[in-house]
């Protein structure tokens, strides 16, 4: 039923095996940046709630802008890692999909709130 080719991809005579974790430092950095980009949307609101009275700048447009920049940079780096540097581990593909969807969503929300004047 199952042969040795079932777990490998065959394209133009080259065998490529999918690994779960990234093999190169670029792939590991991409996964770490995706976690940081998504984690920023948990940590930054907590910082805003904690220091709202002490530092008024945390209650302005600065914190959402930092979150958008961090998540967008992580999304770009993950896309480059998967397509340009060909880091095709399962973790890299999953983190790229998650961070790209999240970055587009958060960018849309922050820009829409800015245009609406909220």
C-alpha atoms as a PDB file:
ATOM      1  CA  UNK A   1       0.000   0.000   0.000  1.00  0.00           C
ATOM      2  CA  UNK A   2       2.620   2.498   1.037  1.00  0.00           C
ATOM      3  CA  UNK A   3       5.936   2.775  -0.698  1.00  0.00           C
ATOM      4  CA  UNK A   4       9.010   4.845   0.022  1.00  0.00           C
ATOM      5  CA  UNK A   5       7.790   7.623  -2.256  1.00  0.00           C
ATOM      6  CA  UNK A   6       4.698   8.406  -0.178  1.00  0.00           C
ATOM      7  CA  UNK A   7       6.575  10.603   2.297  1.00  0.00           C
ATOM      8  CA  UNK A   8       8.730  12.374  -0.273  1.00  0.00           C
ATOM      9  CA  UNK A   9       7.962  14.785  -3.049  1.00  0.00           C
ATOM     10  CA  UNK A  10       9.243  14.044  -6.508  1.00  0.00           C
ATOM     11  CA  UNK A  11       9.736  16.936  -8.857  1.00  0.00           C
ATOM     12  CA  UNK A  12      12.133  16.902 -11.774  1.00  0.00           C
ATOM     13  CA  UNK A  13      14.130  14.015 -10.339  1.00  0.00           C
ATOM     14  CA  UNK A  14      14.968  15.769  -7.053  1.00  0.00           C
ATOM     15  CA  UNK A  15      13.754  14.239  -3.810  1.00  0.00           C
ATOM     16  CA  UNK A  16      12.663  16.667  -1.131  1.00  0.00           C
ATOM     17  CA  UNK A  17      11.724  15.502   2.337  1.00  0.00           C
ATOM     18  CA  UNK A  18       9.496  17.661   4.523  1.00  0.00           C
ATOM     19  CA  UNK A  19      10.785  18.159   8.056  1.00  0.00           C
ATOM     20  CA  UNK A  20       8.759  19.322  11.005  1.00  0.00           C
ATOM     21  CA  UNK A  21      11.300  21.830  12.326  1.00  0.00           C
ATOM     22  CA  UNK A  22      13.387  24.214  10.228  1.00  0.00           C
ATOM     23  CA  UNK A  23      16.936  23.146   9.436  1.00  0.00           C
ATOM     24  CA  UNK A  24      18.501  26.549   8.802  1.00  0.00           C
ATOM     25  CA  UNK A  25      18.892  29.605  11.050  1.00  0.00           C
ATOM     26  CA  UNK A  26      16.722  31.616   8.639  1.00  0.00           C
ATOM     27  CA  UNK A  27      13.854  29.203   9.157  1.00  0.00           C
ATOM     28  CA  UNK A  28      14.209  29.295  12.920  1.00  0.00           C
ATOM     29  CA  UNK A  29      14.289  33.110  12.901  1.00  0.00           C
ATOM     30  CA  UNK A  30      11.155  33.168  10.772  1.00  0.00           C
ATOM     31  CA  UNK A  31       9.268  31.027  13.290  1.00  0.00           C
ATOM     32  CA  UNK A  32      10.536  33.142  16.207  1.00  0.00           C
ATOM     33  CA  UNK A  33       9.512  36.371  14.472  1.00  0.00           C
ATOM     34  CA  UNK A  34       6.053  34.949  13.780  1.00  0.00           C
ATOM     35  CA  UNK A  35       5.641  34.152  17.481  1.00  0.00           C
ATOM     36  CA  UNK A  36       6.868  37.649  18.411  1.00  0.00           C
ATOM     37  CA  UNK A  37       4.551  39.245  15.833  1.00  0.00           C
ATOM     38  CA  UNK A  38       1.510  37.423  17.181  1.00  0.00           C
ATOM     39  CA  UNK A  39       2.614  37.860  20.776  1.00  0.00           C
ATOM     40  CA  UNK A  40       2.871  41.608  20.307  1.00  0.00           C
ATOM     41  CA  UNK A  41      -0.909  41.759  20.020  1.00  0.00           C
ATOM     42  CA  UNK A  42      -1.192  40.185  23.465  1.00  0.00           C
ATOM     43  CA  UNK A  43       1.621  42.063  25.210  1.00  0.00           C
ATOM     44  CA  UNK A  44       1.064  45.589  23.847  1.00  0.00           C
ATOM     45  CA  UNK A  45      -2.536  45.920  25.116  1.00  0.00           C
ATOM     46  CA  UNK A  46      -1.388  44.656  28.519  1.00  0.00           C
ATOM     47  CA  UNK A  47       1.324  47.339  28.579  1.00  0.00           C
ATOM     48  CA  UNK A  48      -1.254  49.958  27.597  1.00  0.00           C
ATOM     49  CA  UNK A  49      -3.605  48.917  30.386  1.00  0.00           C
ATOM     50  CA  UNK A  50      -0.854  48.832  32.999  1.00  0.00           C
ATOM     51  CA  UNK A  51       0.855  52.147  32.184  1.00  0.00           C
ATOM     52  CA  UNK A  52      -2.053  54.220  30.853  1.00  0.00           C
ATOM     53  CA  UNK A  53      -2.002  56.679  33.742  1.00  0.00           C
ATOM     54  CA  UNK A  54       1.790  56.888  34.093  1.00  0.00           C
ATOM     55  CA  UNK A  55       2.760  57.227  30.415  1.00  0.00           C
ATOM     56  CA  UNK A  56      -0.028  58.748  28.297  1.00  0.00           C
ATOM     57  CA  UNK A  57       1.792  57.837  25.060  1.00  0.00           C
ATOM     58  CA  UNK A  58       0.741  54.212  25.574  1.00  0.00           C
ATOM     59  CA  UNK A  59      -2.902  55.234  25.149  1.00  0.00           C
ATOM     60  CA  UNK A  60      -2.394  56.768  21.695  1.00  0.00           C
ATOM     61  CA  UNK A  61      -1.822  55.454  18.185  1.00  0.00           C
ATOM     62  CA  UNK A  62       1.742  54.394  19.063  1.00  0.00           C
ATOM     63  CA  UNK A  63       1.002  50.943  20.504  1.00  0.00           C
ATOM     64  CA  UNK A  64      -1.184  49.725  17.601  1.00  0.00           C
ATOM     65  CA  UNK A  65       1.374  51.106  15.147  1.00  0.00           C
ATOM     66  CA  UNK A  66       4.154  49.157  16.881  1.00  0.00           C
ATOM     67  CA  UNK A  67       2.019  46.004  16.678  1.00  0.00           C
ATOM     68  CA  UNK A  68       1.358  46.506  12.960  1.00  0.00           C
ATOM     69  CA  UNK A  69       5.030  47.127  12.178  1.00  0.00           C
ATOM     70  CA  UNK A  70       6.164  44.066  14.140  1.00  0.00           C
ATOM     71  CA  UNK A  71       3.555  41.741  12.634  1.00  0.00           C
ATOM     72  CA  UNK A  72       4.066  43.060   9.085  1.00  0.00           C
ATOM     73  CA  UNK A  73       7.851  42.671   9.362  1.00  0.00           C
ATOM     74  CA  UNK A  74       7.388  39.115  10.633  1.00  0.00           C
ATOM     75  CA  UNK A  75       5.011  38.348   7.759  1.00  0.00           C
ATOM     76  CA  UNK A  76       7.453  39.670   5.152  1.00  0.00           C
ATOM     77  CA  UNK A  77      10.337  37.720   6.672  1.00  0.00           C
ATOM     78  CA  UNK A  78       8.259  34.534   6.755  1.00  0.00           C
ATOM     79  CA  UNK A  79       7.228  34.941   3.131  1.00  0.00           C
ATOM     80  CA  UNK A  80      10.861  35.478   2.154  1.00  0.00           C
ATOM     81  CA  UNK A  81      11.940  32.453   4.186  1.00  0.00           C
ATOM     82  CA  UNK A  82       9.409  30.166   2.518  1.00  0.00           C
ATOM     83  CA  UNK A  83       9.641  31.376  -1.075  1.00  0.00           C
ATOM     84  CA  UNK A  84      13.012  33.020  -1.556  1.00  0.00           C
ATOM     85  CA  UNK A  85      15.224  31.044   0.828  1.00  0.00           C
ATOM     86  CA  UNK A  86      13.184  27.839   0.301  1.00  0.00           C
ATOM     87  CA  UNK A  87      12.792  26.933   3.954  1.00  0.00           C
ATOM     88  CA  UNK A  88       9.887  24.536   3.543  1.00  0.00           C
ATOM     89  CA  UNK A  89       9.497  22.881   6.920  1.00  0.00           C
ATOM     90  CA  UNK A  90       6.030  22.360   8.322  1.00  0.00           C
ATOM     91  CA  UNK A  91       6.585  24.936  11.077  1.00  0.00           C
ATOM     92  CA  UNK A  92       7.690  27.554   8.566  1.00  0.00           C
ATOM     93  CA  UNK A  93       4.705  27.030   6.315  1.00  0.00           C
ATOM     94  CA  UNK A  94       2.224  27.080   9.206  1.00  0.00           C
ATOM     95  CA  UNK A  95       3.828  30.138  10.812  1.00  0.00           C
ATOM     96  CA  UNK A  96       3.898  31.952   7.463  1.00  0.00           C
ATOM     97  CA  UNK A  97       0.211  31.307   6.863  1.00  0.00           C
ATOM     98  CA  UNK A  98      -0.768  32.356  10.386  1.00  0.00           C
ATOM     99  CA  UNK A  99       1.323  35.521  10.527  1.00  0.00           C
ATOM    100  CA  UNK A 100       0.337  36.670   7.029  1.00  0.00           C
ATOM    101  CA  UNK A 101      -3.380  36.322   7.802  1.00  0.00           C
ATOM    102  CA  UNK A 102      -2.927  38.024  11.174  1.00  0.00           C
ATOM    103  CA  UNK A 103      -0.788  40.836   9.711  1.00  0.00           C
ATOM    104  CA  UNK A 104      -3.337  41.600   6.998  1.00  0.00           C
ATOM    105  CA  UNK A 105      -6.164  41.577   9.545  1.00  0.00           C
ATOM    106  CA  UNK A 106      -4.386  43.770  12.102  1.00  0.00           C
ATOM    107  CA  UNK A 107      -3.158  46.193   9.452  1.00  0.00           C
ATOM    108  CA  UNK A 108      -6.685  46.519   8.096  1.00  0.00           C
ATOM    109  CA  UNK A 109      -8.117  47.116  11.569  1.00  0.00           C
ATOM    110  CA  UNK A 110      -5.522  49.724  12.591  1.00  0.00           C
ATOM    111  CA  UNK A 111      -5.700  51.602   9.288  1.00  0.00           C
ATOM    112  CA  UNK A 112      -9.518  51.539   9.339  1.00  0.00           C
ATOM    113  CA  UNK A 113      -9.599  52.864  12.901  1.00  0.00           C
ATOM    114  CA  UNK A 114      -7.148  55.584  11.931  1.00  0.00           C
ATOM    115  CA  UNK A 115      -9.249  56.625   8.957  1.00  0.00           C
ATOM    116  CA  UNK A 116     -12.435  56.540  11.007  1.00  0.00           C
ATOM    117  CA  UNK A 117     -10.874  58.705  13.698  1.00  0.00           C
ATOM    118  CA  UNK A 118     -11.532  56.314  16.544  1.00  0.00           C
END
